[in-house]
Amino acid sequence: SGVVFGNYQYQAASGANKNQNKFDVERAYLTFKMPAGDRASIRVTGDLYQQTASGNDAYYKGWVLRAKYAYLQYEFLKPKTSANWGFTSRIGLLHTMFIDHEENFWPRWLSLTPVERAGFFSSADAGIAGIVTLPNKLGEAYLAVTNGSGYASRETDRFKDYQARLTITPLSTSDLSYLRTLAIDGWVYRGDLASKFVTGGAGQIGPIGTGLERNRYGGFVGIRDPRLVVGVDYAQRQDGMDTGANTVPAVAGIADSTGRLVAGYVVAKPFKMVDSKSTIPLGIVLRYDQVTPNTSTAPKINTFIGGLSWDLNSKTSISLDYQEATPANGAPVAPTKTYYMHWVANF
């Protein structure tokens, strides 16, 4: 199976990129799932994308295929009915605990989810994970230990990242269909990065082996009925950064910063909300993110996404949407204003 999605985009913001436009294939995910004996299976997902790094070598300008997921899964406790507990483990290149989960609510083909777009952590990484399925469709818990460098990079230091998510679906048996998919999430991500002075060097006082704090936590509430999807995110990040030069005149230190994300979105099918039997597949998409890179300072980055979508069939959709990122209070980023025609096909 797989999914491929892309867009035509037109840059409207003033500056060097004004009037820039292009056709783009953002991603093609090719997924292979196969059994590997009793209770065991494998998944390999290839990620076809275009290199964006600069350079004269043709390698930096072409399309490449890399692994996003490549893991072994084993069902230690396979629930016989929805009333039973379940436990599944994974090892390899696997999902981090939250981003893939939120993609069940937010359409990834329009934009990254708020947490991933804000750069909190990668959507996949190498490590080991366990998924506990709660009885009576009450939710699940996801626990993982990963390298922390993300699926796009090799491991870069000795530190590991520890992460967990608890999802509760308290109204899964409700008579109101809108509330059956209500999900309440809490998640935490704790890790470290190696200091840039980890190996020392000429003129330095010596190597620094302690890690720099890299912690995140957040909460999410959402519903995902076919007629209406609503999601609200709140997340914080804490990052340690090296200061000084690790020399006698400029002794090394650590500066801490705390960032914050607040986001909300609605994906609605208005005709289906009025009449569930309607065959008019028009959708409305609205989203707003606010990222505060450092809560001790004023700068913020506000993101707006709005548009209309149309389902060509059950697996293929298109959209016309507008996306804007606006710096506020002196944030050191350039504003962007982009008009899109997005498309997606699942197969």
Protein backbone atom coordinates (compact mmCIF):
# COMPACT_ATOMS: atom_id res chain seq x y z
CA SER A 1 0.00 0.00 0.00
CA GLY A 2 1.05 3.61 -0.05
CA VAL A 3 0.21 7.25 -0.42
CA VAL A 4 1.49 9.97 -2.74
CA PHE A 5 0.76 13.68 -2.38
CA GLY A 6 1.92 16.93 -3.88
CA ASN A 7 0.89 20.44 -4.79
CA TYR A 8 1.10 23.45 -7.02
CA GLN A 9 2.14 26.50 -4.99
CA TYR A 10 2.37 30.23 -5.61
CA GLN A 11 4.35 32.51 -3.29
CA ALA A 12 2.57 35.81 -2.63
CA ALA A 13 4.74 37.38 0.10
CA SER A 14 6.91 40.35 -0.82
CA GLY A 15 10.64 39.86 -1.11
CA ALA A 16 12.99 37.69 -3.14
CA ASN A 17 10.52 34.79 -3.42
CA LYS A 18 7.53 36.86 -4.56
CA ASN A 19 5.71 35.27 -7.52
CA GLN A 20 7.79 32.10 -7.24
CA ASN A 21 5.68 29.08 -8.17
CA LYS A 22 6.19 25.39 -8.82
CA PHE A 23 4.66 21.95 -9.11
CA ASP A 24 5.93 19.71 -6.33
CA VAL A 25 5.60 16.08 -5.28
CA GLU A 26 6.09 16.30 -1.55
CA ARG A 27 6.13 12.64 -0.64
CA ALA A 28 5.46 9.13 -1.87
CA TYR A 29 5.26 6.54 0.91
CA LEU A 30 5.51 2.90 -0.18
CA THR A 31 4.57 0.45 2.57
CA PHE A 32 5.19 -3.29 2.75
CA LYS A 33 3.63 -5.36 5.56
CA MET A 34 4.24 -9.09 5.82
CA PRO A 35 3.82 -11.79 8.46
CA ALA A 36 7.03 -13.16 9.95
CA GLY A 37 5.75 -16.26 11.70
CA ASP A 38 3.23 -16.70 14.49
CA ARG A 39 2.35 -13.34 16.16
CA ALA A 40 5.20 -11.60 14.34
CA SER A 41 5.17 -9.24 11.36
CA ILE A 42 7.33 -6.65 9.65
CA ARG A 43 6.65 -3.24 8.20
CA VAL A 44 8.91 -1.33 5.83
CA THR A 45 7.87 2.10 4.56
CA GLY A 46 10.00 3.79 1.93
CA ASP A 47 9.95 7.59 1.78
CA LEU A 48 10.49 9.02 -1.72
CA TYR A 49 11.31 12.73 -1.57
CA GLN A 50 13.38 15.42 -3.28
CA GLN A 51 16.68 16.56 -1.80
CA THR A 52 16.69 20.22 -0.83
CA ALA A 53 20.32 20.63 0.30
CA SER A 54 22.47 22.97 -1.77
CA GLY A 55 25.57 21.86 -3.61
CA ASN A 56 27.05 21.28 -7.05
CA ASP A 57 26.88 17.51 -6.82
CA ALA A 58 23.85 16.06 -8.64
CA TYR A 59 23.20 13.93 -5.55
CA TYR A 60 21.77 16.99 -3.83
CA LYS A 61 19.33 17.74 -6.62
CA GLY A 62 17.57 14.47 -7.34
CA TRP A 63 14.91 12.25 -5.84
CA VAL A 64 15.96 9.69 -3.25
CA LEU A 65 14.30 6.79 -1.45
CA ARG A 66 15.00 6.24 2.23
CA ALA A 67 13.40 4.18 4.98
CA LYS A 68 10.98 5.94 7.29
CA TYR A 69 9.74 2.80 9.08
CA ALA A 70 11.47 -0.57 9.15
CA TYR A 71 10.58 -2.63 12.19
CA LEU A 72 9.73 -6.06 13.56
CA GLN A 73 6.46 -6.27 15.49
CA TYR A 74 5.49 -9.03 17.91
CA GLU A 75 2.10 -9.44 19.61
CA PHE A 76 2.82 -10.72 23.11
CA LEU A 77 -0.82 -10.38 24.17
CA LYS A 78 -3.34 -10.55 21.36
CA PRO A 79 -6.82 -9.51 22.52
CA LYS A 80 -9.53 -11.99 21.54
CA THR A 81 -12.29 -9.39 21.95
CA SER A 82 -12.46 -5.64 22.53
CA ALA A 83 -12.95 -6.38 26.24
CA ASN A 84 -9.41 -7.78 26.57
CA TRP A 85 -6.02 -6.14 27.09
CA GLY A 86 -3.41 -6.22 24.35
CA PHE A 87 0.35 -5.74 24.24
CA THR A 88 2.49 -5.34 21.12
CA SER A 89 6.21 -4.59 20.87
CA ARG A 90 8.26 -3.10 18.04
CA ILE A 91 11.97 -2.80 17.39
CA GLY A 92 13.69 -1.02 14.54
CA LEU A 93 12.92 2.25 12.77
CA LEU A 94 9.52 3.06 14.22
CA HIS A 95 6.94 5.72 15.07
CA THR A 96 7.65 8.19 17.80
CA MET A 97 4.81 8.32 20.27
CA PHE A 98 2.58 11.19 19.10
CA ILE A 99 2.97 12.60 15.57
CA ASP A 100 1.70 9.54 13.70
CA HIS A 101 -1.19 9.35 16.16
CA GLU A 102 -2.24 12.95 15.44
CA GLU A 103 -2.10 12.28 11.70
CA ASN A 104 -5.29 10.24 12.27
CA PHE A 105 -6.94 13.63 12.91
CA TRP A 106 -5.03 16.18 10.83
CA PRO A 107 -4.59 15.61 7.03
CA ARG A 108 -0.80 15.30 6.65
CA TRP A 109 -1.02 15.97 2.90
CA LEU A 110 -1.91 19.62 3.61
CA SER A 111 0.86 20.32 6.12
CA LEU A 112 2.85 18.76 8.94
CA THR A 113 1.02 18.37 12.24
CA PRO A 114 1.54 21.31 14.63
CA VAL A 115 4.10 19.53 16.84
CA GLU A 116 6.18 18.32 13.88
CA ARG A 117 5.94 21.64 12.03
CA ALA A 118 7.23 23.40 15.15
CA GLY A 119 10.24 21.05 15.21
CA PHE A 120 9.61 19.45 18.60
CA PHE A 121 10.86 16.02 17.45
CA SER A 122 10.88 13.68 14.47
CA SER A 123 7.92 11.52 13.44
CA ALA A 124 10.08 8.36 13.35
CA ASP A 125 13.30 7.15 14.95
CA ALA A 126 15.28 3.97 15.60
CA GLY A 127 14.54 2.27 18.90
CA ILE A 128 12.17 -0.06 20.74
CA ALA A 129 8.52 0.51 21.64
CA GLY A 130 5.58 -1.13 23.37
CA ILE A 131 1.88 -0.49 22.78
CA VAL A 132 -0.66 -1.42 25.47
CA THR A 133 -4.27 -1.60 24.24
CA LEU A 134 -6.77 -0.85 26.99
CA PRO A 135 -9.89 -3.03 27.28
CA ASN A 136 -13.36 -1.95 26.15
CA LYS A 137 -11.91 0.49 23.58
CA LEU A 138 -10.81 2.85 26.34
CA GLY A 139 -7.57 3.83 24.57
CA GLU A 140 -3.91 2.87 24.50
CA ALA A 141 -0.50 3.61 25.95
CA TYR A 142 2.63 3.94 23.81
CA LEU A 143 6.11 3.72 25.36
CA ALA A 144 9.40 4.02 23.46
CA VAL A 145 13.15 4.46 23.81
CA THR A 146 14.84 5.89 20.70
CA ASN A 147 18.16 7.29 19.54
CA GLY A 148 16.77 10.82 19.38
CA SER A 149 18.41 11.76 16.09
CA GLY A 150 15.32 10.99 13.96
CA TYR A 151 14.88 8.74 10.94
CA ALA A 152 16.70 11.16 8.63
CA SER A 153 20.00 10.91 10.52
CA ARG A 154 22.30 8.29 11.94
CA GLU A 155 22.83 8.17 15.71
CA THR A 156 25.05 11.10 16.69
CA ASP A 157 25.73 10.60 20.43
CA ARG A 158 25.42 8.16 23.32
CA PHE A 159 22.20 9.59 24.74
CA LYS A 160 18.75 8.08 24.31
CA ASP A 161 15.30 9.68 24.34
CA TYR A 162 12.45 8.30 26.46
CA GLN A 163 8.87 8.94 25.45
CA ALA A 164 5.34 7.97 26.42
CA ARG A 165 1.78 8.74 25.38
CA LEU A 166 -1.48 7.83 27.10
CA THR A 167 -4.63 8.10 25.00
CA ILE A 168 -8.03 7.79 26.66
CA THR A 169 -11.23 7.40 24.62
CA PRO A 170 -13.80 7.62 27.42
CA LEU A 171 -16.93 7.81 25.23
CA SER A 172 -16.14 5.08 22.71
CA THR A 173 -19.47 3.36 23.40
CA SER A 174 -21.55 6.56 23.39
CA ASP A 175 -24.82 6.72 21.44
CA LEU A 176 -23.63 10.03 19.98
CA SER A 177 -21.42 9.17 17.01
CA TYR A 178 -19.50 12.46 17.20
CA LEU A 179 -18.28 11.59 20.69
CA ARG A 180 -17.24 7.99 20.11
CA THR A 181 -13.85 9.05 18.75
CA LEU A 182 -13.16 11.65 21.43
CA ALA A 183 -9.49 11.20 22.35
CA ILE A 184 -7.71 12.82 25.28
CA ASP A 185 -3.92 12.54 25.09
CA GLY A 186 -1.07 13.32 27.40
CA TRP A 187 2.51 12.78 26.24
CA VAL A 188 6.05 13.33 27.44
CA TYR A 189 9.43 13.20 25.70
CA ARG A 190 12.65 13.37 27.72
CA GLY A 191 16.14 13.24 26.25
CA ASP A 192 19.58 14.78 25.98
CA LEU A 193 21.92 16.02 23.28
CA ALA A 194 25.69 15.82 23.44
CA SER A 195 27.55 19.06 24.13
CA LYS A 196 29.48 20.52 21.20
CA PHE A 197 32.48 20.28 23.52
CA VAL A 198 32.06 16.53 24.04
CA THR A 199 35.46 15.72 22.51
CA GLY A 200 37.30 18.80 23.78
CA GLY A 201 39.88 20.26 21.45
CA ALA A 202 42.93 22.48 21.16
CA GLY A 203 42.83 25.28 23.71
CA GLN A 204 39.78 23.91 25.52
CA ILE A 205 39.69 23.05 29.21
CA GLY A 206 38.69 19.47 28.45
CA PRO A 207 35.85 17.30 27.10
CA ILE A 208 32.32 17.75 28.48
CA GLY A 209 30.45 14.47 28.68
CA THR A 210 27.20 15.64 30.23
CA GLY A 211 24.16 16.05 28.03
CA LEU A 212 22.09 19.11 27.18
CA GLU A 213 18.45 18.91 28.23
CA ARG A 214 15.98 18.12 25.43
CA ASN A 215 12.57 17.67 27.04
CA ARG A 216 9.05 18.08 25.69
CA TYR A 217 5.56 17.44 26.97
CA GLY A 218 2.06 18.19 25.81
CA GLY A 219 -1.61 17.39 25.62
CA PHE A 220 -4.13 16.93 22.84
CA VAL A 221 -7.92 16.67 22.63
CA GLY A 222 -9.66 15.69 19.42
CA ILE A 223 -12.58 14.01 17.68
CA ARG A 224 -12.43 12.48 14.19
CA ASP A 225 -15.89 11.73 12.92
CA PRO A 226 -16.05 11.45 9.10
CA ARG A 227 -18.21 14.60 9.11
CA LEU A 228 -16.18 16.67 11.57
CA VAL A 229 -12.63 16.60 12.90
CA VAL A 230 -11.54 18.93 15.70
CA GLY A 231 -8.11 19.01 17.32
CA VAL A 232 -6.47 21.18 19.98
CA ASP A 233 -2.75 20.99 20.84
CA TYR A 234 -0.74 22.40 23.70
CA ALA A 235 2.97 21.59 24.03
CA GLN A 236 6.11 22.91 25.69
CA ARG A 237 9.78 22.29 25.01
CA GLN A 238 12.86 22.79 27.19
CA ASP A 239 16.26 22.95 25.53
CA GLY A 240 19.76 23.36 26.93
CA MET A 241 22.31 25.22 24.80
CA ASP A 242 26.09 25.49 25.11
CA THR A 243 27.54 28.88 25.99
CA GLY A 244 31.14 30.05 26.15
CA ALA A 245 34.07 28.49 24.33
CA ASN A 246 35.17 25.93 26.96
CA THR A 247 38.37 27.89 27.53
CA VAL A 248 39.79 29.63 30.60
CA PRO A 249 38.76 33.12 29.38
CA ALA A 250 35.32 31.87 28.27
CA VAL A 251 34.28 28.97 30.48
CA ALA A 252 31.58 26.72 29.07
CA GLY A 253 28.08 27.01 30.49
CA ILE A 254 24.51 26.02 29.73
CA ALA A 255 21.63 28.33 28.85
CA ASP A 256 18.09 26.99 29.11
CA SER A 257 15.11 28.06 27.05
CA THR A 258 11.45 27.10 27.17
CA GLY A 259 9.25 27.23 24.07
CA ARG A 260 5.50 26.82 23.71
CA LEU A 261 3.03 25.71 21.05
CA VAL A 262 -0.73 26.31 21.00
CA ALA A 263 -2.71 25.08 18.00
CA GLY A 264 -6.24 24.24 16.95
CA TYR A 265 -7.93 23.05 13.77
CA VAL A 266 -11.26 22.04 12.26
CA VAL A 267 -11.83 19.81 9.23
CA ALA A 268 -15.55 19.81 8.42
CA LYS A 269 -17.79 18.31 5.76
CA PRO A 270 -20.73 20.75 6.02
CA PHE A 271 -23.15 18.94 3.70
CA LYS A 272 -22.57 15.63 5.46
CA MET A 273 -23.03 17.34 8.83
CA VAL A 274 -26.50 18.47 7.74
CA ASP A 275 -27.37 15.16 6.06
CA SER A 276 -25.18 12.12 6.72
CA LYS A 277 -26.37 10.61 3.42
CA SER A 278 -25.23 13.59 1.36
CA THR A 279 -22.97 12.77 -1.59
CA ILE A 280 -21.46 16.28 -1.79
CA PRO A 281 -17.83 15.76 -0.63
CA LEU A 282 -16.96 19.41 0.02
CA GLY A 283 -14.68 20.01 2.98
CA ILE A 284 -13.62 23.11 4.92
CA VAL A 285 -10.21 23.27 6.61
CA LEU A 286 -9.17 25.87 9.19
CA ARG A 287 -6.08 25.82 11.42
CA TYR A 288 -4.15 28.25 13.58
CA ASP A 289 -0.79 27.66 15.30
CA GLN A 290 1.12 29.99 17.58
CA VAL A 291 4.73 29.12 18.38
CA THR A 292 6.67 30.97 21.07
CA PRO A 293 10.34 29.99 20.57
CA ASN A 294 11.32 31.26 24.02
CA THR A 295 8.71 32.16 26.63
CA SER A 296 11.12 34.55 28.37
CA THR A 297 11.11 36.82 25.28
CA ALA A 298 8.34 38.38 23.19
CA PRO A 299 8.78 36.97 19.61
CA LYS A 300 6.12 34.60 18.27
CA ILE A 301 5.35 32.90 14.96
CA ASN A 302 1.69 32.66 13.93
CA THR A 303 0.55 30.19 11.26
CA PHE A 304 -2.82 30.16 9.51
CA ILE A 305 -4.13 27.50 7.12
CA GLY A 306 -7.51 27.76 5.45
CA GLY A 307 -9.09 26.21 2.41
CA LEU A 308 -11.60 23.98 0.68
CA SER A 309 -11.20 20.29 -0.17
CA TRP A 310 -13.06 17.96 -2.49
CA ASP A 311 -13.00 14.15 -2.37
CA LEU A 312 -12.76 12.76 -5.88
CA ASN A 313 -13.43 9.33 -4.39
CA SER A 314 -12.81 7.51 -1.09
CA LYS A 315 -9.03 7.48 -1.60
CA THR A 316 -8.26 10.61 -3.61
CA SER A 317 -8.75 14.28 -2.71
CA ILE A 318 -7.77 17.76 -3.84
CA SER A 319 -7.79 21.10 -2.07
CA LEU A 320 -7.40 24.81 -2.67
CA ASP A 321 -5.85 26.40 0.38
CA TYR A 322 -3.91 29.38 1.67
CA GLN A 323 -1.09 29.11 4.21
CA GLU A 324 0.53 32.02 5.99
CA ALA A 325 3.33 32.21 8.56
CA THR A 326 3.66 35.61 10.21
CA PRO A 327 6.39 36.63 12.66
CA ALA A 328 5.32 38.84 15.57
CA ASN A 329 7.18 40.94 18.13
CA GLY A 330 10.46 40.78 16.24
CA ALA A 331 10.69 37.04 15.54
CA PRO A 332 13.73 36.54 13.24
CA VAL A 333 11.93 34.72 10.41
CA ALA A 334 10.62 35.92 7.07
CA PRO A 335 6.83 36.00 6.57
CA THR A 336 5.38 33.59 4.02
CA LYS A 337 2.10 33.74 2.12
CA THR A 338 1.44 30.80 -0.16
CA TYR A 339 -1.52 29.70 -2.28
CA TYR A 340 -1.76 25.94 -2.87
CA MET A 341 -3.56 23.37 -4.92
CA HIS A 342 -2.91 20.14 -2.98
CA TRP A 343 -3.70 16.59 -4.06
CA VAL A 344 -3.40 13.16 -2.42
CA ALA A 345 -3.95 9.56 -3.55
CA ASN A 346 -3.98 6.48 -1.32
CA PHE A 347 -3.53 3.06 -2.89
